[in-house]
Amino acid sequence: MRVDQTLTQWWRDQPASRPFSGGDLSRPSFGQVFDAQIRRIGREELDESFERIEEAAAVLSERMRLEDLQRYKEALKEFLERAMRLGLIVREETGRDRRGRPQLLKLLAILDERVLEIADVLREAEKDRIRLLALIGEIRGLLIQATA
């Protein structure tokens, strides 16, 4: 159900015989209903994108081909674009570099690094599926953590 359908249904359910009193606090305002629907639709979009990532990860884990890696990267990109558009990924984490100096690490940099590691594993024709699955699992965990 789309937002406009939900809002139309909500509006139809309102009693027409009662005049507008200026503020019935027992019912949500239009803005509250609208915001809730936008959040719900955004979450559904993210869930669909996450399912595409999971499917691409399963194929990549099984076949271990560069074409599958490309599909996985595209699914990741789509998920991250939607999450950023919804304002879910705005956090930054601080860490330390090799010399102990404070360094700002962003989620996107970490994900990019892991995807490059997967590409290296595939290019080297290494059949170590455990490492590949660990990297995919780490990316999955980072995405879940970012949108929680």
C-alpha atoms as a PDB file:
ATOM      1  CA  MET A   1       0.000   0.000   0.000  1.00  0.00           C
ATOM      2  CA  ARG A   2       1.384   3.366  -0.938  1.00  0.00           C
ATOM      3  CA  VAL A   3       1.492   6.412   1.298  1.00  0.00           C
ATOM      4  CA  ASP A   4      -1.248   8.263  -0.568  1.00  0.00           C
ATOM      5  CA  GLN A   5      -3.554   5.227  -0.341  1.00  0.00           C
ATOM      6  CA  THR A   6      -2.956   4.901   3.395  1.00  0.00           C
ATOM      7  CA  LEU A   7      -3.555   8.600   3.987  1.00  0.00           C
ATOM      8  CA  THR A   8      -6.685   8.537   1.849  1.00  0.00           C
ATOM      9  CA  GLN A   9      -8.017   5.558   3.815  1.00  0.00           C
ATOM     10  CA  TRP A  10      -7.199   7.269   7.113  1.00  0.00           C
ATOM     11  CA  TRP A  11      -9.004  10.418   5.943  1.00  0.00           C
ATOM     12  CA  ARG A  12     -12.080   8.423   4.912  1.00  0.00           C
ATOM     13  CA  ASP A  13     -12.199   6.771   8.335  1.00  0.00           C
ATOM     14  CA  GLN A  14     -12.522  10.151  10.034  1.00  0.00           C
ATOM     15  CA  PRO A  15     -16.092  10.928  11.191  1.00  0.00           C
ATOM     16  CA  ALA A  16     -17.621  13.489   8.843  1.00  0.00           C
ATOM     17  CA  SER A  17     -20.457  14.465  11.186  1.00  0.00           C
ATOM     18  CA  ARG A  18     -18.147  15.888  13.832  1.00  0.00           C
ATOM     19  CA  PRO A  19     -16.929  19.429  13.115  1.00  0.00           C
ATOM     20  CA  PHE A  20     -13.216  20.103  13.298  1.00  0.00           C
ATOM     21  CA  SER A  21     -12.461  21.199  16.825  1.00  0.00           C
ATOM     22  CA  GLY A  22      -8.954  22.424  16.158  1.00  0.00           C
ATOM     23  CA  GLY A  23      -7.000  19.593  17.654  1.00  0.00           C
ATOM     24  CA  ASP A  24      -8.152  16.119  18.580  1.00  0.00           C
ATOM     25  CA  LEU A  25      -5.085  14.932  20.468  1.00  0.00           C
ATOM     26  CA  SER A  26      -6.267  11.329  20.618  1.00  0.00           C
ATOM     27  CA  ARG A  27      -5.608  10.905  16.897  1.00  0.00           C
ATOM     28  CA  PRO A  28      -2.305  11.339  15.135  1.00  0.00           C
ATOM     29  CA  SER A  29      -1.826  14.428  13.038  1.00  0.00           C
ATOM     30  CA  PHE A  30      -1.393  14.293   9.291  1.00  0.00           C
ATOM     31  CA  GLY A  31       2.333  14.914   9.719  1.00  0.00           C
ATOM     32  CA  GLN A  32       2.685  12.049  12.182  1.00  0.00           C
ATOM     33  CA  VAL A  33       0.844   9.628   9.907  1.00  0.00           C
ATOM     34  CA  PHE A  34       2.830  10.793   6.899  1.00  0.00           C
ATOM     35  CA  ASP A  35       6.189  10.467   8.702  1.00  0.00           C
ATOM     36  CA  ALA A  36       5.299   7.001   9.965  1.00  0.00           C
ATOM     37  CA  GLN A  37       4.395   5.852   6.457  1.00  0.00           C
ATOM     38  CA  ILE A  38       7.595   7.286   4.975  1.00  0.00           C
ATOM     39  CA  ARG A  39       9.658   5.469   7.629  1.00  0.00           C
ATOM     40  CA  ARG A  40       7.774   2.227   7.007  1.00  0.00           C
ATOM     41  CA  ILE A  41       8.232   2.439   3.243  1.00  0.00           C
ATOM     42  CA  GLY A  42      11.900   3.318   3.693  1.00  0.00           C
ATOM     43  CA  ARG A  43      12.395   0.312   5.955  1.00  0.00           C
ATOM     44  CA  GLU A  44      10.667  -1.932   3.398  1.00  0.00           C
ATOM     45  CA  GLU A  45      12.988  -0.629   0.670  1.00  0.00           C
ATOM     46  CA  LEU A  46      16.002  -1.312   2.878  1.00  0.00           C
ATOM     47  CA  ASP A  47      14.747  -4.810   3.647  1.00  0.00           C
ATOM     48  CA  GLU A  48      14.375  -5.521  -0.085  1.00  0.00           C
ATOM     49  CA  SER A  49      17.874  -4.194  -0.758  1.00  0.00           C
ATOM     50  CA  PHE A  50      19.267  -6.270   2.081  1.00  0.00           C
ATOM     51  CA  GLU A  51      17.598  -9.387   0.629  1.00  0.00           C
ATOM     52  CA  ARG A  52      19.308  -8.646  -2.712  1.00  0.00           C
ATOM     53  CA  ILE A  53      22.641  -8.420  -0.885  1.00  0.00           C
ATOM     54  CA  GLU A  54      21.964 -11.754   0.811  1.00  0.00           C
ATOM     55  CA  GLU A  55      21.070 -13.410  -2.508  1.00  0.00           C
ATOM     56  CA  ALA A  56      24.148 -11.994  -4.242  1.00  0.00           C
ATOM     57  CA  ALA A  57      26.316 -13.100  -1.301  1.00  0.00           C
ATOM     58  CA  ALA A  58      24.971 -16.646  -1.528  1.00  0.00           C
ATOM     59  CA  VAL A  59      25.709 -16.820  -5.254  1.00  0.00           C
ATOM     60  CA  LEU A  60      29.161 -15.292  -4.740  1.00  0.00           C
ATOM     61  CA  SER A  61      29.944 -17.767  -1.971  1.00  0.00           C
ATOM     62  CA  GLU A  62      28.927 -20.700  -4.116  1.00  0.00           C
ATOM     63  CA  ARG A  63      30.389 -19.818  -7.513  1.00  0.00           C
ATOM     64  CA  MET A  64      33.175 -17.361  -6.572  1.00  0.00           C
ATOM     65  CA  ARG A  65      33.250 -15.531  -9.929  1.00  0.00           C
ATOM     66  CA  LEU A  66      34.084 -11.897 -10.677  1.00  0.00           C
ATOM     67  CA  GLU A  67      30.667 -11.384 -12.313  1.00  0.00           C
ATOM     68  CA  ASP A  68      29.064 -12.419  -9.041  1.00  0.00           C
ATOM     69  CA  LEU A  69      31.308 -10.007  -7.160  1.00  0.00           C
ATOM     70  CA  GLN A  70      30.103  -7.209  -9.459  1.00  0.00           C
ATOM     71  CA  ARG A  71      26.455  -8.049  -8.687  1.00  0.00           C
ATOM     72  CA  TYR A  72      27.288  -8.121  -4.979  1.00  0.00           C
ATOM     73  CA  LYS A  73      28.960  -4.701  -5.196  1.00  0.00           C
ATOM     74  CA  GLU A  74      25.953  -3.267  -7.050  1.00  0.00           C
ATOM     75  CA  ALA A  75      23.591  -4.623  -4.391  1.00  0.00           C
ATOM     76  CA  LEU A  76      25.782  -3.079  -1.662  1.00  0.00           C
ATOM     77  CA  LYS A  77      25.825   0.256  -3.486  1.00  0.00           C
ATOM     78  CA  GLU A  78      22.037   0.267  -3.838  1.00  0.00           C
ATOM     79  CA  PHE A  79      21.582  -0.540  -0.141  1.00  0.00           C
ATOM     80  CA  LEU A  80      24.004   2.165   0.988  1.00  0.00           C
ATOM     81  CA  GLU A  81      22.452   4.796  -1.291  1.00  0.00           C
ATOM     82  CA  ARG A  82      18.996   4.057   0.102  1.00  0.00           C
ATOM     83  CA  ALA A  83      20.250   4.039   3.690  1.00  0.00           C
ATOM     84  CA  MET A  84      22.021   7.373   3.214  1.00  0.00           C
ATOM     85  CA  ARG A  85      18.982   8.876   1.483  1.00  0.00           C
ATOM     86  CA  LEU A  86      16.892   7.879   4.496  1.00  0.00           C
ATOM     87  CA  GLY A  87      19.500   9.368   6.823  1.00  0.00           C
ATOM     88  CA  LEU A  88      20.337   6.075   8.520  1.00  0.00           C
ATOM     89  CA  ILE A  89      24.071   6.060   7.844  1.00  0.00           C
ATOM     90  CA  VAL A  90      25.464   9.247   9.255  1.00  0.00           C
ATOM     91  CA  ARG A  91      27.512   7.853  12.108  1.00  0.00           C
ATOM     92  CA  GLU A  92      31.260   7.946  12.100  1.00  0.00           C
ATOM     93  CA  GLU A  93      33.557   5.852  14.230  1.00  0.00           C
ATOM     94  CA  THR A  94      36.860   6.962  15.621  1.00  0.00           C
ATOM     95  CA  GLY A  95      39.837   4.694  15.775  1.00  0.00           C
ATOM     96  CA  ARG A  96      43.610   4.811  15.809  1.00  0.00           C
ATOM     97  CA  ASP A  97      46.068   4.321  12.996  1.00  0.00           C
ATOM     98  CA  ARG A  98      49.236   2.222  13.191  1.00  0.00           C
ATOM     99  CA  ARG A  99      51.117   4.979  14.976  1.00  0.00           C
ATOM    100  CA  GLY A 100      48.440   5.419  17.614  1.00  0.00           C
ATOM    101  CA  ARG A 101      47.140   8.723  16.275  1.00  0.00           C
ATOM    102  CA  PRO A 102      43.379   9.326  16.247  1.00  0.00           C
ATOM    103  CA  GLN A 103      41.885   8.515  12.875  1.00  0.00           C
ATOM    104  CA  LEU A 104      38.344   8.887  11.618  1.00  0.00           C
ATOM    105  CA  LEU A 105      37.051   5.680  10.060  1.00  0.00           C
ATOM    106  CA  LYS A 106      33.852   5.764   8.098  1.00  0.00           C
ATOM    107  CA  LEU A 107      31.614   2.812   7.488  1.00  0.00           C
ATOM    108  CA  LEU A 108      31.928   3.202   3.727  1.00  0.00           C
ATOM    109  CA  ALA A 109      35.711   2.976   3.877  1.00  0.00           C
ATOM    110  CA  ILE A 110      35.499  -0.223   5.918  1.00  0.00           C
ATOM    111  CA  LEU A 111      32.990  -1.759   3.504  1.00  0.00           C
ATOM    112  CA  ASP A 112      35.094  -0.750   0.504  1.00  0.00           C
ATOM    113  CA  GLU A 113      38.156  -2.339   2.064  1.00  0.00           C
ATOM    114  CA  ARG A 114      36.294  -5.609   2.655  1.00  0.00           C
ATOM    115  CA  VAL A 115      34.975  -5.701  -0.920  1.00  0.00           C
ATOM    116  CA  LEU A 116      38.517  -5.194  -2.211  1.00  0.00           C
ATOM    117  CA  GLU A 117      39.653  -8.083  -0.033  1.00  0.00           C
ATOM    118  CA  ILE A 118      36.964 -10.263  -1.592  1.00  0.00           C
ATOM    119  CA  ALA A 119      38.173  -9.250  -5.062  1.00  0.00           C
ATOM    120  CA  ASP A 120      41.726 -10.205  -4.083  1.00  0.00           C
ATOM    121  CA  VAL A 121      40.553 -13.582  -2.847  1.00  0.00           C
ATOM    122  CA  LEU A 122      38.760 -14.197  -6.140  1.00  0.00           C
ATOM    123  CA  ARG A 123      41.627 -12.945  -8.329  1.00  0.00           C
ATOM    124  CA  GLU A 124      44.120 -15.200  -6.626  1.00  0.00           C
ATOM    125  CA  ALA A 125      41.782 -18.117  -7.360  1.00  0.00           C
ATOM    126  CA  GLU A 126      42.032 -19.035  -3.717  1.00  0.00           C
ATOM    127  CA  LYS A 127      39.422 -21.595  -2.776  1.00  0.00           C
ATOM    128  CA  ASP A 128      39.360 -20.578   0.867  1.00  0.00           C
ATOM    129  CA  ARG A 129      35.603 -20.212   1.212  1.00  0.00           C
ATOM    130  CA  ILE A 130      35.853 -19.747   4.958  1.00  0.00           C
ATOM    131  CA  ARG A 131      37.667 -16.415   4.535  1.00  0.00           C
ATOM    132  CA  LEU A 132      35.200 -15.305   1.872  1.00  0.00           C
ATOM    133  CA  LEU A 133      32.247 -16.198   4.075  1.00  0.00           C
ATOM    134  CA  ALA A 134      33.830 -14.391   7.029  1.00  0.00           C
ATOM    135  CA  LEU A 135      34.224 -11.210   4.951  1.00  0.00           C
ATOM    136  CA  ILE A 136      30.655 -11.435   3.683  1.00  0.00           C
ATOM    137  CA  GLY A 137      29.485 -12.009   7.250  1.00  0.00           C
ATOM    138  CA  GLU A 138      31.471  -9.006   8.461  1.00  0.00           C
ATOM    139  CA  ILE A 139      29.901  -6.791   5.782  1.00  0.00           C
ATOM    140  CA  ARG A 140      26.458  -8.099   6.732  1.00  0.00           C
ATOM    141  CA  GLY A 141      27.141  -7.311  10.383  1.00  0.00           C
ATOM    142  CA  LEU A 142      28.341  -3.800   9.547  1.00  0.00           C
ATOM    143  CA  LEU A 143      25.186  -3.122   7.523  1.00  0.00           C
ATOM    144  CA  ILE A 144      22.941  -4.405  10.298  1.00  0.00           C
ATOM    145  CA  GLN A 145      24.853  -2.345  12.852  1.00  0.00           C
ATOM    146  CA  ALA A 146      24.653   0.765  10.681  1.00  0.00           C
ATOM    147  CA  THR A 147      20.904   0.605  10.263  1.00  0.00           C
ATOM    148  CA  ALA A 148      19.995  -0.563  13.765  1.00  0.00           C
END
